[in-house]
Amino acid sequence: VQLVESGGGLVQAGGSLILSCKASGFSFNDYVIGWFRQAPGKDREGVSCFVSKDGSTYFSDSVKGRFTISSDNAKNTVSLQMNRLKPEDTAVYYCARTPTLPGSANWHYYQIPKIYDSWGQGTQVTVSS
């Protein structure tokens, strides 16, 4: 199992970045791919996730309306489009996988880091003011 993030970097406030998570070694459609971030001195927090089985997407309140998430199933890649970036978006961003929960799971469940069993190495996003 491998998850590899790419696309981080330095951007000015108001700018955009696209992060990509390339997954390999498992059946992509059976899992939820989540994006998390961790700023220095803070806990890891859920940003967004993509439910491969039905295409559902979820976002934290802090990024809703600014970030979008999409999947290219043929390439086993989930991308996070980040628009109107703010200095408070500065963090290391990670993607991770968790098995799709049968039934009506939602962001309340999928935002929890400990339910994810495999993680990428992270990519730094820095937003300057």
N, C-alpha and C. Protein backbone atom coordinates (compact mmCIF):
# COMPACT_ATOMS: atom_id res chain seq x y z
N VAL A 1 0.85 -1.19 0.00
CA VAL A 1 0.00 0.00 0.00
C VAL A 1 0.89 1.24 0.00
N GLN A 2 0.61 2.15 -0.89
CA GLN A 2 1.39 3.37 -0.95
C GLN A 2 0.51 4.54 -1.35
N LEU A 3 0.72 5.65 -0.65
CA LEU A 3 0.04 6.90 -0.96
C LEU A 3 1.12 7.97 -1.08
N VAL A 4 1.13 8.67 -2.20
CA VAL A 4 2.18 9.66 -2.44
C VAL A 4 1.54 10.99 -2.80
N GLU A 5 1.81 11.99 -1.96
CA GLU A 5 1.30 13.33 -2.23
C GLU A 5 2.28 14.13 -3.08
N SER A 6 1.73 15.06 -3.83
CA SER A 6 2.56 15.99 -4.59
C SER A 6 1.78 17.29 -4.79
N GLY A 7 2.51 18.34 -5.13
CA GLY A 7 1.85 19.59 -5.49
C GLY A 7 1.95 20.70 -4.47
N GLY A 8 2.55 20.44 -3.32
CA GLY A 8 2.69 21.51 -2.34
C GLY A 8 3.65 22.59 -2.81
N GLY A 9 3.70 23.67 -2.03
CA GLY A 9 4.62 24.75 -2.37
C GLY A 9 4.28 26.02 -1.64
N LEU A 10 4.88 27.10 -2.12
CA LEU A 10 4.69 28.43 -1.54
C LEU A 10 3.79 29.24 -2.46
N VAL A 11 2.78 29.86 -1.87
CA VAL A 11 1.85 30.65 -2.67
C VAL A 11 1.42 31.86 -1.85
N GLN A 12 1.09 32.93 -2.53
CA GLN A 12 0.59 34.13 -1.83
C GLN A 12 -0.88 33.95 -1.45
N ALA A 13 -1.28 34.66 -0.42
CA ALA A 13 -2.68 34.64 -0.01
C ALA A 13 -3.57 35.00 -1.19
N GLY A 14 -4.65 34.26 -1.33
CA GLY A 14 -5.56 34.46 -2.45
C GLY A 14 -5.26 33.58 -3.64
N GLY A 15 -4.10 32.94 -3.61
CA GLY A 15 -3.71 32.08 -4.72
C GLY A 15 -4.30 30.69 -4.63
N SER A 16 -3.85 29.83 -5.54
CA SER A 16 -4.38 28.46 -5.64
C SER A 16 -3.25 27.45 -5.76
N LEU A 17 -3.54 26.25 -5.30
CA LEU A 17 -2.64 25.11 -5.47
C LEU A 17 -3.49 23.87 -5.70
N ILE A 18 -2.91 22.89 -6.38
CA ILE A 18 -3.56 21.59 -6.53
C ILE A 18 -2.64 20.53 -5.92
N LEU A 19 -3.18 19.81 -4.95
CA LEU A 19 -2.46 18.68 -4.38
C LEU A 19 -3.00 17.39 -5.00
N SER A 20 -2.09 16.45 -5.23
CA SER A 20 -2.50 15.15 -5.76
C SER A 20 -2.05 14.05 -4.83
N CYS A 21 -2.87 13.00 -4.76
CA CYS A 21 -2.56 11.82 -3.96
C CYS A 21 -2.65 10.61 -4.88
N LYS A 22 -1.50 10.02 -5.17
CA LYS A 22 -1.44 8.85 -6.02
C LYS A 22 -1.45 7.62 -5.14
N ALA A 23 -2.44 6.75 -5.33
CA ALA A 23 -2.60 5.54 -4.51
C ALA A 23 -2.20 4.31 -5.31
N SER A 24 -1.60 3.36 -4.63
CA SER A 24 -1.24 2.11 -5.28
C SER A 24 -1.23 0.98 -4.25
N GLY A 25 -1.38 -0.26 -4.77
CA GLY A 25 -1.29 -1.42 -3.90
C GLY A 25 -2.58 -1.86 -3.26
N PHE A 26 -3.69 -1.23 -3.62
CA PHE A 26 -4.97 -1.65 -3.06
C PHE A 26 -6.08 -1.26 -4.04
N SER A 27 -7.26 -1.83 -3.78
CA SER A 27 -8.40 -1.57 -4.65
C SER A 27 -8.99 -0.21 -4.31
N PHE A 28 -8.75 0.72 -5.16
CA PHE A 28 -9.10 2.13 -4.94
C PHE A 28 -10.57 2.30 -4.61
N ASN A 29 -11.44 1.57 -5.28
CA ASN A 29 -12.88 1.78 -5.14
C ASN A 29 -13.44 1.33 -3.79
N ASP A 30 -12.67 0.58 -3.02
CA ASP A 30 -13.16 0.10 -1.73
C ASP A 30 -12.82 1.04 -0.57
N TYR A 31 -12.19 2.16 -0.90
CA TYR A 31 -11.68 3.02 0.17
C TYR A 31 -12.11 4.47 0.00
N VAL A 32 -12.08 5.15 1.11
CA VAL A 32 -12.22 6.60 1.16
C VAL A 32 -10.82 7.19 1.23
N ILE A 33 -10.57 8.19 0.41
CA ILE A 33 -9.30 8.91 0.47
C ILE A 33 -9.55 10.26 1.15
N GLY A 34 -8.85 10.46 2.23
CA GLY A 34 -9.01 11.70 2.98
C GLY A 34 -7.79 12.58 2.88
N TRP A 35 -8.01 13.87 2.99
CA TRP A 35 -6.92 14.84 3.07
C TRP A 35 -6.95 15.45 4.47
N PHE A 36 -5.78 15.51 5.07
CA PHE A 36 -5.62 16.09 6.40
C PHE A 36 -4.50 17.11 6.35
N ARG A 37 -4.44 17.95 7.36
CA ARG A 37 -3.33 18.89 7.46
C ARG A 37 -2.93 19.04 8.92
N GLN A 38 -1.67 19.38 9.09
CA GLN A 38 -1.15 19.59 10.43
C GLN A 38 -0.19 20.77 10.42
N ALA A 39 -0.57 21.79 11.17
CA ALA A 39 0.28 22.97 11.33
C ALA A 39 1.16 22.78 12.56
N PRO A 40 2.28 23.46 12.63
CA PRO A 40 3.18 23.32 13.80
C PRO A 40 2.44 23.59 15.11
N GLY A 41 2.58 22.67 16.05
CA GLY A 41 1.97 22.83 17.35
C GLY A 41 0.48 22.55 17.42
N LYS A 42 -0.08 22.09 16.30
CA LYS A 42 -1.52 21.81 16.28
C LYS A 42 -1.79 20.34 15.97
N ASP A 43 -2.99 19.90 16.30
CA ASP A 43 -3.39 18.54 15.99
C ASP A 43 -3.65 18.40 14.49
N ARG A 44 -3.54 17.17 14.02
CA ARG A 44 -3.90 16.90 12.63
C ARG A 44 -5.40 17.04 12.47
N GLU A 45 -5.82 17.75 11.44
CA GLU A 45 -7.25 17.97 11.23
C GLU A 45 -7.68 17.53 9.84
N GLY A 46 -8.90 17.03 9.76
CA GLY A 46 -9.45 16.62 8.48
C GLY A 46 -9.82 17.83 7.64
N VAL A 47 -9.51 17.75 6.36
CA VAL A 47 -9.80 18.83 5.42
C VAL A 47 -10.92 18.44 4.47
N SER A 48 -10.79 17.24 3.89
CA SER A 48 -11.76 16.81 2.89
C SER A 48 -11.60 15.31 2.67
N CYS A 49 -12.59 14.70 2.07
CA CYS A 49 -12.45 13.30 1.68
C CYS A 49 -13.31 12.99 0.47
N PHE A 50 -12.91 11.93 -0.22
CA PHE A 50 -13.62 11.46 -1.40
C PHE A 50 -13.98 10.00 -1.19
N VAL A 51 -15.27 9.71 -1.30
CA VAL A 51 -15.75 8.34 -1.15
C VAL A 51 -15.81 7.71 -2.53
N SER A 52 -14.84 6.85 -2.84
CA SER A 52 -14.71 6.31 -4.19
C SER A 52 -15.95 5.53 -4.64
N LYS A 53 -16.61 4.85 -3.69
CA LYS A 53 -17.73 3.98 -4.04
C LYS A 53 -18.87 4.74 -4.70
N ASP A 54 -19.18 5.93 -4.19
CA ASP A 54 -20.34 6.65 -4.72
C ASP A 54 -20.03 8.09 -5.13
N GLY A 55 -18.77 8.49 -5.02
CA GLY A 55 -18.40 9.84 -5.43
C GLY A 55 -18.75 10.94 -4.45
N SER A 56 -19.18 10.57 -3.23
CA SER A 56 -19.49 11.60 -2.24
C SER A 56 -18.25 12.35 -1.83
N THR A 57 -18.42 13.63 -1.56
CA THR A 57 -17.32 14.46 -1.10
C THR A 57 -17.73 15.22 0.16
N TYR A 58 -16.76 15.45 1.02
CA TYR A 58 -17.01 16.17 2.26
C TYR A 58 -15.88 17.15 2.51
N PHE A 59 -16.21 18.21 3.24
CA PHE A 59 -15.23 19.25 3.52
C PHE A 59 -15.39 19.76 4.94
N SER A 60 -14.29 20.19 5.52
CA SER A 60 -14.38 20.86 6.80
C SER A 60 -14.98 22.26 6.58
N ASP A 61 -15.53 22.81 7.64
CA ASP A 61 -16.12 24.15 7.53
C ASP A 61 -15.08 25.19 7.15
N SER A 62 -13.83 24.97 7.56
CA SER A 62 -12.79 25.96 7.32
C SER A 62 -12.39 26.08 5.86
N VAL A 63 -12.70 25.06 5.05
CA VAL A 63 -12.30 25.10 3.64
C VAL A 63 -13.48 25.03 2.69
N LYS A 64 -14.67 24.82 3.24
CA LYS A 64 -15.86 24.68 2.40
C LYS A 64 -16.05 25.94 1.56
N GLY A 65 -16.29 25.73 0.27
CA GLY A 65 -16.46 26.86 -0.64
C GLY A 65 -15.17 27.34 -1.28
N ARG A 66 -14.03 26.89 -0.73
CA ARG A 66 -12.73 27.30 -1.29
C ARG A 66 -11.98 26.11 -1.90
N PHE A 67 -12.16 24.93 -1.33
CA PHE A 67 -11.48 23.73 -1.80
C PHE A 67 -12.48 22.82 -2.50
N THR A 68 -12.00 22.10 -3.50
CA THR A 68 -12.77 21.04 -4.12
C THR A 68 -11.91 19.79 -4.19
N ILE A 69 -12.57 18.64 -4.28
CA ILE A 69 -11.85 17.37 -4.34
C ILE A 69 -12.42 16.55 -5.49
N SER A 70 -11.54 15.85 -6.17
CA SER A 70 -11.97 15.05 -7.31
C SER A 70 -11.10 13.81 -7.42
N SER A 71 -11.57 12.86 -8.20
CA SER A 71 -10.85 11.61 -8.36
C SER A 71 -10.74 11.24 -9.81
N ASP A 72 -9.59 10.70 -10.17
CA ASP A 72 -9.38 10.08 -11.47
C ASP A 72 -9.18 8.59 -11.18
N ASN A 73 -10.26 7.82 -11.27
CA ASN A 73 -10.18 6.41 -10.91
C ASN A 73 -9.23 5.62 -11.80
N ALA A 74 -9.13 6.02 -13.04
CA ALA A 74 -8.24 5.32 -13.97
C ALA A 74 -6.77 5.46 -13.54
N LYS A 75 -6.47 6.57 -12.86
CA LYS A 75 -5.09 6.82 -12.43
C LYS A 75 -4.92 6.62 -10.92
N ASN A 76 -6.01 6.17 -10.24
CA ASN A 76 -5.96 6.00 -8.78
C ASN A 76 -5.42 7.24 -8.09
N THR A 77 -5.93 8.38 -8.49
CA THR A 77 -5.44 9.66 -7.97
C THR A 77 -6.61 10.50 -7.49
N VAL A 78 -6.45 11.07 -6.31
CA VAL A 78 -7.42 12.03 -5.76
C VAL A 78 -6.72 13.38 -5.66
N SER A 79 -7.36 14.40 -6.18
CA SER A 79 -6.76 15.73 -6.20
C SER A 79 -7.56 16.69 -5.32
N LEU A 80 -6.84 17.56 -4.67
CA LEU A 80 -7.45 18.60 -3.83
C LEU A 80 -7.11 19.95 -4.45
N GLN A 81 -8.12 20.60 -4.99
CA GLN A 81 -7.95 21.94 -5.57
C GLN A 81 -8.19 22.96 -4.46
N MET A 82 -7.18 23.76 -4.17
CA MET A 82 -7.28 24.72 -3.08
C MET A 82 -7.26 26.13 -3.66
N ASN A 83 -8.34 26.84 -3.50
CA ASN A 83 -8.48 28.20 -4.02
C ASN A 83 -8.59 29.19 -2.86
N ARG A 84 -8.36 30.44 -3.18
CA ARG A 84 -8.46 31.54 -2.20
C ARG A 84 -7.75 31.17 -0.90
N LEU A 85 -6.52 30.74 -1.06
CA LEU A 85 -5.76 30.29 0.09
C LEU A 85 -5.48 31.41 1.07
N LYS A 86 -5.44 31.03 2.34
CA LYS A 86 -5.22 31.98 3.42
C LYS A 86 -3.96 31.56 4.18
N PRO A 87 -3.32 32.49 4.87
CA PRO A 87 -2.14 32.11 5.67
C PRO A 87 -2.45 30.98 6.67
N GLU A 88 -3.65 30.93 7.18
CA GLU A 88 -4.01 29.88 8.13
C GLU A 88 -4.15 28.51 7.49
N ASP A 89 -4.08 28.43 6.17
CA ASP A 89 -4.06 27.14 5.48
C ASP A 89 -2.65 26.53 5.47
N THR A 90 -1.68 27.27 5.93
CA THR A 90 -0.30 26.78 5.97
C THR A 90 -0.19 25.57 6.87
N ALA A 91 0.33 24.48 6.32
CA ALA A 91 0.44 23.22 7.06
C ALA A 91 1.10 22.18 6.17
N VAL A 92 1.43 21.05 6.76
CA VAL A 92 1.77 19.86 5.99
C VAL A 92 0.47 19.13 5.70
N TYR A 93 0.26 18.83 4.43
CA TYR A 93 -0.96 18.16 4.01
C TYR A 93 -0.66 16.69 3.73
N TYR A 94 -1.54 15.84 4.24
CA TYR A 94 -1.39 14.40 4.09
C TYR A 94 -2.64 13.81 3.45
N CYS A 95 -2.45 12.77 2.64
CA CYS A 95 -3.59 11.97 2.23
C CYS A 95 -3.50 10.62 2.93
N ALA A 96 -4.64 10.00 3.08
CA ALA A 96 -4.73 8.74 3.81
C ALA A 96 -5.93 7.95 3.30
N ARG A 97 -5.96 6.68 3.64
CA ARG A 97 -7.08 5.86 3.20
C ARG A 97 -7.76 5.18 4.39
N THR A 98 -9.06 4.96 4.24
CA THR A 98 -9.81 4.20 5.21
C THR A 98 -10.87 3.41 4.46
N PRO A 99 -11.18 2.20 4.91
CA PRO A 99 -12.23 1.44 4.23
C PRO A 99 -13.56 2.19 4.25
N THR A 100 -14.28 2.10 3.17
CA THR A 100 -15.60 2.72 3.11
C THR A 100 -16.50 2.07 4.14
N LEU A 101 -17.13 2.87 4.97
CA LEU A 101 -18.02 2.34 6.00
C LEU A 101 -19.38 2.05 5.39
N PRO A 102 -19.88 0.80 5.53
CA PRO A 102 -21.22 0.50 5.01
C PRO A 102 -22.26 1.37 5.70
N GLY A 103 -23.24 1.78 4.95
CA GLY A 103 -24.29 2.59 5.54
C GLY A 103 -24.07 4.06 5.29
N SER A 104 -24.61 4.87 6.15
CA SER A 104 -24.65 6.32 5.91
C SER A 104 -23.61 7.07 6.73
N ALA A 105 -22.35 6.74 6.51
CA ALA A 105 -21.29 7.50 7.17
C ALA A 105 -21.20 8.88 6.55
N ASN A 106 -20.71 9.83 7.29
CA ASN A 106 -20.58 11.18 6.77
C ASN A 106 -19.31 11.83 7.30
N TRP A 107 -19.18 13.14 7.12
CA TRP A 107 -17.96 13.83 7.52
C TRP A 107 -17.70 13.71 9.01
N HIS A 108 -18.70 13.61 9.81
CA HIS A 108 -18.51 13.47 11.24
C HIS A 108 -17.62 12.26 11.55
N TYR A 109 -17.75 11.21 10.74
CA TYR A 109 -16.94 10.01 10.90
C TYR A 109 -15.62 10.13 10.14
N TYR A 110 -15.68 10.53 8.89
CA TYR A 110 -14.50 10.47 8.04
C TYR A 110 -13.46 11.54 8.35
N GLN A 111 -13.77 12.49 9.20
CA GLN A 111 -12.78 13.50 9.57
C GLN A 111 -11.85 13.03 10.69
N ILE A 112 -12.09 11.84 11.22
CA ILE A 112 -11.31 11.35 12.36
C ILE A 112 -10.02 10.69 11.89
N PRO A 113 -8.87 11.24 12.22
CA PRO A 113 -7.60 10.67 11.70
C PRO A 113 -7.37 9.20 12.07
N LYS A 114 -7.77 8.78 13.25
CA LYS A 114 -7.41 7.44 13.70
C LYS A 114 -8.12 6.32 12.95
N ILE A 115 -9.14 6.62 12.18
CA ILE A 115 -9.79 5.56 11.40
C ILE A 115 -9.04 5.26 10.11
N TYR A 116 -8.04 6.06 9.77
CA TYR A 116 -7.28 5.88 8.54
C TYR A 116 -6.06 4.99 8.82
N ASP A 117 -5.84 4.01 7.96
CA ASP A 117 -4.82 3.00 8.26
C ASP A 117 -3.53 3.15 7.47
N SER A 118 -3.52 3.96 6.45
CA SER A 118 -2.30 4.18 5.68
C SER A 118 -2.23 5.65 5.31
N TRP A 119 -1.01 6.21 5.40
CA TRP A 119 -0.80 7.63 5.19
C TRP A 119 0.34 7.88 4.22
N GLY A 120 0.23 8.99 3.51
CA GLY A 120 1.35 9.44 2.70
C GLY A 120 2.38 10.16 3.55
N GLN A 121 3.44 10.63 2.92
CA GLN A 121 4.54 11.25 3.65
C GLN A 121 4.30 12.72 3.92
N GLY A 122 3.33 13.31 3.25
CA GLY A 122 2.98 14.70 3.46
C GLY A 122 3.65 15.63 2.46
N THR A 123 3.01 16.76 2.22
CA THR A 123 3.56 17.80 1.36
C THR A 123 3.29 19.16 2.00
N GLN A 124 4.29 20.01 2.01
CA GLN A 124 4.19 21.30 2.68
C GLN A 124 3.46 22.31 1.81
N VAL A 125 2.51 22.99 2.42
CA VAL A 125 1.83 24.12 1.78
C VAL A 125 2.07 25.34 2.66
N THR A 126 2.62 26.38 2.07
CA THR A 126 2.89 27.61 2.78
C THR A 126 2.21 28.76 2.06
N VAL A 127 1.37 29.49 2.78
CA VAL A 127 0.65 30.62 2.21
C VAL A 127 1.16 31.88 2.88
N SER A 128 1.75 32.75 2.08
CA SER A 128 2.30 33.99 2.62
C SER A 128 1.26 35.10 2.57
N SER A 129 1.36 36.00 3.53
CA SER A 129 0.37 37.09 3.61
C SER A 129 0.83 38.31 2.83
